[in-house]
Amino acid sequence: MAGNLKGNLVLVVEDEPLVAGDVVDGLLEAGAHVLVARRKRDALKLVDRQSFDGAVLDWALPDGDVEAVCRSLDDRGVPYVIYSGVMEKPEERERCVFIAKPSTMEHVIGELAQLVKAS
């Protein structure tokens, strides 16, 4: 697997179980510890309670987009990948990479590992 995330805590925000499973498996293979949220409100609670080294976010969730999660991560200096099938690329952010679905887990994990290393 591309990227080394050994010992890093990563938040995964994804409502589709199969996609979430693929992302989690890739992160675990890269050595990360992982917490998963399937809804925006749960992700916001986790970000408020836990210090993350990185995140992989789906943009569109059942309870709305993850804009508030992005702002919260930005405020904390946490890098993240938006991995989503949204048609329009979200606004540019400093510690963020947008990857359109579908893509390989090697690409997603590799991009996150680069962001985490640069932070």
N, C-alpha and C. Protein backbone atom coordinates (compact mmCIF):
# COMPACT_ATOMS: atom_id res chain seq x y z
N MET A 1 0.85 -1.19 0.00
CA MET A 1 0.00 0.00 0.00
C MET A 1 0.89 1.24 0.00
N ALA A 2 0.46 2.22 -0.75
CA ALA A 2 1.22 3.48 -0.81
C ALA A 2 1.05 4.25 0.48
N GLY A 3 2.11 4.87 0.92
CA GLY A 3 2.02 5.73 2.08
C GLY A 3 2.23 5.01 3.39
N ASN A 4 2.86 5.70 4.30
CA ASN A 4 3.09 5.16 5.63
C ASN A 4 2.39 6.06 6.63
N LEU A 5 1.42 5.51 7.32
CA LEU A 5 0.67 6.26 8.32
C LEU A 5 0.80 5.60 9.69
N LYS A 6 1.90 4.89 9.90
CA LYS A 6 2.10 4.14 11.13
C LYS A 6 1.94 5.04 12.36
N GLY A 7 1.03 4.61 13.24
CA GLY A 7 0.80 5.31 14.49
C GLY A 7 -0.07 6.54 14.40
N ASN A 8 -0.51 6.92 13.20
CA ASN A 8 -1.36 8.11 13.04
C ASN A 8 -2.83 7.74 13.24
N LEU A 9 -3.57 8.64 13.89
CA LEU A 9 -5.01 8.46 14.07
C LEU A 9 -5.72 9.19 12.94
N VAL A 10 -6.53 8.45 12.19
CA VAL A 10 -7.21 9.00 11.02
C VAL A 10 -8.73 8.85 11.17
N LEU A 11 -9.43 9.93 10.88
CA LEU A 11 -10.89 9.92 10.86
C LEU A 11 -11.36 9.60 9.45
N VAL A 12 -12.29 8.66 9.33
CA VAL A 12 -12.94 8.34 8.05
C VAL A 12 -14.40 8.74 8.18
N VAL A 13 -14.86 9.60 7.27
CA VAL A 13 -16.25 10.02 7.26
C VAL A 13 -16.84 9.57 5.93
N GLU A 14 -17.63 8.50 5.99
CA GLU A 14 -18.16 7.87 4.78
C GLU A 14 -19.44 7.12 5.14
N ASP A 15 -20.52 7.36 4.38
CA ASP A 15 -21.79 6.71 4.68
C ASP A 15 -22.00 5.39 3.93
N GLU A 16 -21.24 5.13 2.89
CA GLU A 16 -21.38 3.89 2.13
C GLU A 16 -20.50 2.81 2.77
N PRO A 17 -21.09 1.74 3.32
CA PRO A 17 -20.32 0.73 4.04
C PRO A 17 -19.18 0.09 3.23
N LEU A 18 -19.40 -0.20 1.97
CA LEU A 18 -18.35 -0.83 1.17
C LEU A 18 -17.16 0.10 0.94
N VAL A 19 -17.46 1.38 0.67
CA VAL A 19 -16.39 2.35 0.47
C VAL A 19 -15.65 2.58 1.79
N ALA A 20 -16.42 2.73 2.87
CA ALA A 20 -15.80 2.92 4.19
C ALA A 20 -14.88 1.74 4.52
N GLY A 21 -15.33 0.53 4.22
CA GLY A 21 -14.52 -0.66 4.48
C GLY A 21 -13.22 -0.65 3.69
N ASP A 22 -13.30 -0.25 2.43
CA ASP A 22 -12.09 -0.18 1.60
C ASP A 22 -11.10 0.86 2.14
N VAL A 23 -11.62 2.03 2.52
CA VAL A 23 -10.77 3.08 3.05
C VAL A 23 -10.13 2.64 4.37
N VAL A 24 -10.94 2.08 5.25
CA VAL A 24 -10.43 1.61 6.55
C VAL A 24 -9.37 0.54 6.35
N ASP A 25 -9.64 -0.42 5.47
CA ASP A 25 -8.65 -1.48 5.21
C ASP A 25 -7.33 -0.90 4.70
N GLY A 26 -7.41 0.07 3.79
CA GLY A 26 -6.21 0.70 3.26
C GLY A 26 -5.43 1.44 4.33
N LEU A 27 -6.16 2.14 5.19
CA LEU A 27 -5.51 2.88 6.27
C LEU A 27 -4.85 1.94 7.28
N LEU A 28 -5.55 0.88 7.62
CA LEU A 28 -4.98 -0.10 8.56
C LEU A 28 -3.73 -0.74 7.98
N GLU A 29 -3.78 -1.06 6.69
CA GLU A 29 -2.62 -1.64 6.02
C GLU A 29 -1.43 -0.67 6.02
N ALA A 30 -1.73 0.64 5.99
CA ALA A 30 -0.68 1.66 6.03
C ALA A 30 -0.22 1.96 7.46
N GLY A 31 -0.80 1.27 8.45
CA GLY A 31 -0.36 1.40 9.83
C GLY A 31 -1.13 2.39 10.68
N ALA A 32 -2.21 2.95 10.14
CA ALA A 32 -2.98 3.96 10.88
C ALA A 32 -3.94 3.32 11.87
N HIS A 33 -4.31 4.10 12.86
CA HIS A 33 -5.44 3.80 13.73
C HIS A 33 -6.61 4.58 13.15
N VAL A 34 -7.82 4.00 13.19
CA VAL A 34 -8.93 4.59 12.46
C VAL A 34 -10.19 4.70 13.33
N LEU A 35 -10.86 5.84 13.21
CA LEU A 35 -12.21 6.02 13.75
C LEU A 35 -13.11 6.38 12.58
N VAL A 36 -14.35 5.85 12.58
CA VAL A 36 -15.26 6.04 11.46
C VAL A 36 -16.53 6.74 11.92
N ALA A 37 -16.98 7.70 11.11
CA ALA A 37 -18.28 8.34 11.30
C ALA A 37 -19.06 8.22 10.00
N ARG A 38 -20.35 7.95 10.10
CA ARG A 38 -21.18 7.81 8.91
C ARG A 38 -22.06 9.03 8.66
N ARG A 39 -22.08 9.94 9.62
CA ARG A 39 -22.90 11.15 9.50
C ARG A 39 -22.07 12.37 9.90
N LYS A 40 -22.47 13.51 9.39
CA LYS A 40 -21.76 14.76 9.69
C LYS A 40 -21.78 15.05 11.18
N ARG A 41 -22.92 14.90 11.81
CA ARG A 41 -23.01 15.24 13.24
C ARG A 41 -22.07 14.37 14.08
N ASP A 42 -21.94 13.09 13.71
CA ASP A 42 -21.03 12.20 14.44
C ASP A 42 -19.57 12.59 14.20
N ALA A 43 -19.27 12.98 12.98
CA ALA A 43 -17.90 13.42 12.65
C ALA A 43 -17.53 14.66 13.45
N LEU A 44 -18.45 15.61 13.54
CA LEU A 44 -18.18 16.83 14.30
C LEU A 44 -17.93 16.53 15.77
N LYS A 45 -18.69 15.61 16.34
CA LYS A 45 -18.47 15.21 17.74
C LYS A 45 -17.09 14.60 17.92
N LEU A 46 -16.70 13.73 16.99
CA LEU A 46 -15.38 13.10 17.08
C LEU A 46 -14.26 14.12 16.97
N VAL A 47 -14.39 15.06 16.05
CA VAL A 47 -13.34 16.08 15.87
C VAL A 47 -13.23 16.94 17.12
N ASP A 48 -14.36 17.21 17.78
CA ASP A 48 -14.34 18.02 19.00
C ASP A 48 -13.69 17.27 20.18
N ARG A 49 -13.82 15.95 20.18
CA ARG A 49 -13.36 15.15 21.32
C ARG A 49 -11.99 14.52 21.15
N GLN A 50 -11.51 14.41 19.93
CA GLN A 50 -10.31 13.64 19.64
C GLN A 50 -9.34 14.46 18.79
N SER A 51 -8.07 14.22 18.96
CA SER A 51 -7.05 14.87 18.15
C SER A 51 -6.64 13.92 17.02
N PHE A 52 -6.93 14.29 15.78
CA PHE A 52 -6.62 13.45 14.63
C PHE A 52 -5.37 13.95 13.91
N ASP A 53 -4.68 13.01 13.27
CA ASP A 53 -3.51 13.34 12.44
C ASP A 53 -3.91 13.57 11.00
N GLY A 54 -5.06 13.06 10.58
CA GLY A 54 -5.54 13.19 9.22
C GLY A 54 -6.96 12.66 9.11
N ALA A 55 -7.56 12.85 7.93
CA ALA A 55 -8.93 12.39 7.72
C ALA A 55 -9.17 12.12 6.24
N VAL A 56 -10.11 11.23 5.98
CA VAL A 56 -10.62 10.97 4.64
C VAL A 56 -12.13 11.19 4.71
N LEU A 57 -12.62 12.14 3.92
CA LEU A 57 -14.01 12.57 4.00
C LEU A 57 -14.76 12.38 2.70
N ASP A 58 -15.96 11.83 2.78
CA ASP A 58 -16.90 11.88 1.67
C ASP A 58 -17.59 13.23 1.78
N TRP A 59 -17.83 13.91 0.69
CA TRP A 59 -18.42 15.25 0.75
C TRP A 59 -19.91 15.21 1.10
N ALA A 60 -20.66 14.32 0.46
CA ALA A 60 -22.11 14.29 0.62
C ALA A 60 -22.53 13.14 1.55
N LEU A 61 -23.17 13.51 2.64
CA LEU A 61 -23.65 12.55 3.63
C LEU A 61 -25.15 12.70 3.79
N PRO A 62 -25.81 11.72 4.41
CA PRO A 62 -27.27 11.81 4.57
C PRO A 62 -27.73 13.07 5.31
N ASP A 63 -26.92 13.59 6.23
CA ASP A 63 -27.33 14.78 6.98
C ASP A 63 -26.62 16.05 6.49
N GLY A 64 -26.15 16.04 5.24
CA GLY A 64 -25.58 17.25 4.64
C GLY A 64 -24.13 17.08 4.25
N ASP A 65 -23.58 18.14 3.65
CA ASP A 65 -22.18 18.07 3.23
C ASP A 65 -21.26 18.26 4.44
N VAL A 66 -19.99 18.00 4.24
CA VAL A 66 -19.02 18.02 5.34
C VAL A 66 -18.29 19.36 5.48
N GLU A 67 -18.86 20.42 4.94
CA GLU A 67 -18.22 21.74 5.05
C GLU A 67 -17.86 22.08 6.49
N ALA A 68 -18.76 21.85 7.42
CA ALA A 68 -18.49 22.17 8.83
C ALA A 68 -17.36 21.31 9.39
N VAL A 69 -17.28 20.06 8.95
CA VAL A 69 -16.19 19.17 9.37
C VAL A 69 -14.87 19.69 8.82
N CYS A 70 -14.86 20.11 7.56
CA CYS A 70 -13.66 20.67 6.94
C CYS A 70 -13.18 21.90 7.71
N ARG A 71 -14.10 22.80 8.04
CA ARG A 71 -13.72 24.00 8.79
C ARG A 71 -13.13 23.63 10.15
N SER A 72 -13.74 22.66 10.81
CA SER A 72 -13.25 22.24 12.12
C SER A 72 -11.85 21.62 12.01
N LEU A 73 -11.62 20.81 10.99
CA LEU A 73 -10.29 20.23 10.76
C LEU A 73 -9.29 21.33 10.40
N ASP A 74 -9.71 22.25 9.53
CA ASP A 74 -8.84 23.38 9.16
C ASP A 74 -8.41 24.17 10.40
N ASP A 75 -9.37 24.45 11.28
CA ASP A 75 -9.07 25.21 12.50
C ASP A 75 -8.04 24.51 13.38
N ARG A 76 -8.00 23.18 13.31
CA ARG A 76 -7.09 22.39 14.13
C ARG A 76 -5.80 22.03 13.40
N GLY A 77 -5.69 22.45 12.14
CA GLY A 77 -4.49 22.15 11.35
C GLY A 77 -4.37 20.70 10.93
N VAL A 78 -5.52 20.02 10.83
CA VAL A 78 -5.52 18.60 10.46
C VAL A 78 -5.66 18.46 8.95
N PRO A 79 -4.73 17.76 8.28
CA PRO A 79 -4.83 17.57 6.83
C PRO A 79 -5.87 16.49 6.51
N TYR A 80 -6.45 16.59 5.31
CA TYR A 80 -7.47 15.61 4.94
C TYR A 80 -7.61 15.49 3.43
N VAL A 81 -8.18 14.35 3.05
CA VAL A 81 -8.53 14.07 1.67
C VAL A 81 -10.05 14.07 1.58
N ILE A 82 -10.59 14.81 0.63
CA ILE A 82 -12.01 14.68 0.31
C ILE A 82 -12.08 13.67 -0.83
N TYR A 83 -12.66 12.52 -0.53
CA TYR A 83 -12.78 11.43 -1.50
C TYR A 83 -14.26 11.27 -1.79
N SER A 84 -14.69 11.83 -2.91
CA SER A 84 -16.13 11.93 -3.12
C SER A 84 -16.51 11.85 -4.58
N GLY A 85 -17.74 11.48 -4.80
CA GLY A 85 -18.29 11.41 -6.14
C GLY A 85 -19.07 12.66 -6.51
N VAL A 86 -18.92 13.73 -5.72
CA VAL A 86 -19.62 14.97 -6.06
C VAL A 86 -19.14 15.44 -7.43
N MET A 87 -20.03 16.06 -8.16
CA MET A 87 -19.70 16.48 -9.52
C MET A 87 -18.77 17.70 -9.55
N GLU A 88 -18.89 18.54 -8.57
CA GLU A 88 -18.14 19.79 -8.55
C GLU A 88 -17.07 19.75 -7.47
N LYS A 89 -15.87 20.12 -7.82
CA LYS A 89 -14.77 20.14 -6.86
C LYS A 89 -15.03 21.23 -5.81
N PRO A 90 -14.91 20.88 -4.52
CA PRO A 90 -15.10 21.89 -3.48
C PRO A 90 -14.01 22.96 -3.53
N GLU A 91 -14.21 24.05 -2.79
CA GLU A 91 -13.23 25.14 -2.78
C GLU A 91 -11.86 24.63 -2.34
N GLU A 92 -10.82 25.27 -2.84
CA GLU A 92 -9.45 24.91 -2.49
C GLU A 92 -9.19 25.19 -1.01
N ARG A 93 -8.47 24.29 -0.38
CA ARG A 93 -8.11 24.44 1.02
C ARG A 93 -6.62 24.14 1.17
N GLU A 94 -6.03 24.68 2.21
CA GLU A 94 -4.58 24.59 2.38
C GLU A 94 -4.07 23.17 2.57
N ARG A 95 -4.63 22.41 3.49
CA ARG A 95 -4.15 21.07 3.80
C ARG A 95 -5.15 20.01 3.35
N CYS A 96 -5.57 20.14 2.09
CA CYS A 96 -6.63 19.26 1.58
C CYS A 96 -6.34 18.88 0.13
N VAL A 97 -6.65 17.64 -0.19
CA VAL A 97 -6.60 17.17 -1.57
C VAL A 97 -7.97 16.59 -1.90
N PHE A 98 -8.49 16.94 -3.07
CA PHE A 98 -9.76 16.37 -3.54
C PHE A 98 -9.46 15.24 -4.51
N ILE A 99 -10.05 14.08 -4.27
CA ILE A 99 -9.92 12.94 -5.17
C ILE A 99 -11.33 12.47 -5.53
N ALA A 100 -11.62 12.42 -6.83
CA ALA A 100 -12.93 11.99 -7.30
C ALA A 100 -13.04 10.47 -7.24
N LYS A 101 -14.21 10.00 -6.81
CA LYS A 101 -14.51 8.57 -6.85
C LYS A 101 -14.86 8.21 -8.28
N PRO A 102 -14.52 7.04 -8.74
CA PRO A 102 -13.69 6.05 -8.05
C PRO A 102 -12.20 6.33 -8.26
N SER A 103 -11.42 5.88 -7.32
CA SER A 103 -9.97 5.96 -7.41
C SER A 103 -9.40 4.78 -6.63
N THR A 104 -8.12 4.54 -6.81
CA THR A 104 -7.51 3.43 -6.08
C THR A 104 -7.23 3.84 -4.63
N MET A 105 -7.27 2.88 -3.74
CA MET A 105 -6.93 3.16 -2.35
C MET A 105 -5.48 3.57 -2.22
N GLU A 106 -4.62 3.07 -3.10
CA GLU A 106 -3.21 3.47 -3.09
C GLU A 106 -3.09 4.98 -3.29
N HIS A 107 -3.90 5.51 -4.22
CA HIS A 107 -3.89 6.95 -4.48
C HIS A 107 -4.40 7.72 -3.27
N VAL A 108 -5.55 7.31 -2.73
CA VAL A 108 -6.16 8.00 -1.59
C VAL A 108 -5.22 7.98 -0.39
N ILE A 109 -4.72 6.81 -0.03
CA ILE A 109 -3.85 6.67 1.13
C ILE A 109 -2.52 7.38 0.90
N GLY A 110 -1.99 7.28 -0.30
CA GLY A 110 -0.74 7.95 -0.63
C GLY A 110 -0.83 9.46 -0.49
N GLU A 111 -1.92 10.04 -0.98
CA GLU A 111 -2.13 11.49 -0.87
C GLU A 111 -2.26 11.91 0.60
N LEU A 112 -3.03 11.13 1.37
CA LEU A 112 -3.17 11.46 2.79
C LEU A 112 -1.82 11.36 3.51
N ALA A 113 -1.06 10.33 3.21
CA ALA A 113 0.24 10.16 3.87
C ALA A 113 1.15 11.35 3.56
N GLN A 114 1.14 11.85 2.33
CA GLN A 114 1.93 13.02 1.98
C GLN A 114 1.50 14.25 2.75
N LEU A 115 0.18 14.44 2.87
CA LEU A 115 -0.34 15.59 3.62
C LEU A 115 0.06 15.51 5.10
N VAL A 116 -0.07 14.32 5.68
CA VAL A 116 0.25 14.13 7.10
C VAL A 116 1.75 14.38 7.32
N LYS A 117 2.57 13.86 6.43
CA LYS A 117 4.02 14.04 6.55
C LYS A 117 4.41 15.51 6.45
N ALA A 118 3.72 16.26 5.60
CA ALA A 118 4.02 17.68 5.40
C ALA A 118 3.52 18.57 6.54
N SER A 119 2.64 18.04 7.37
CA SER A 119 2.06 18.86 8.45
C SER A 119 2.99 19.03 9.62
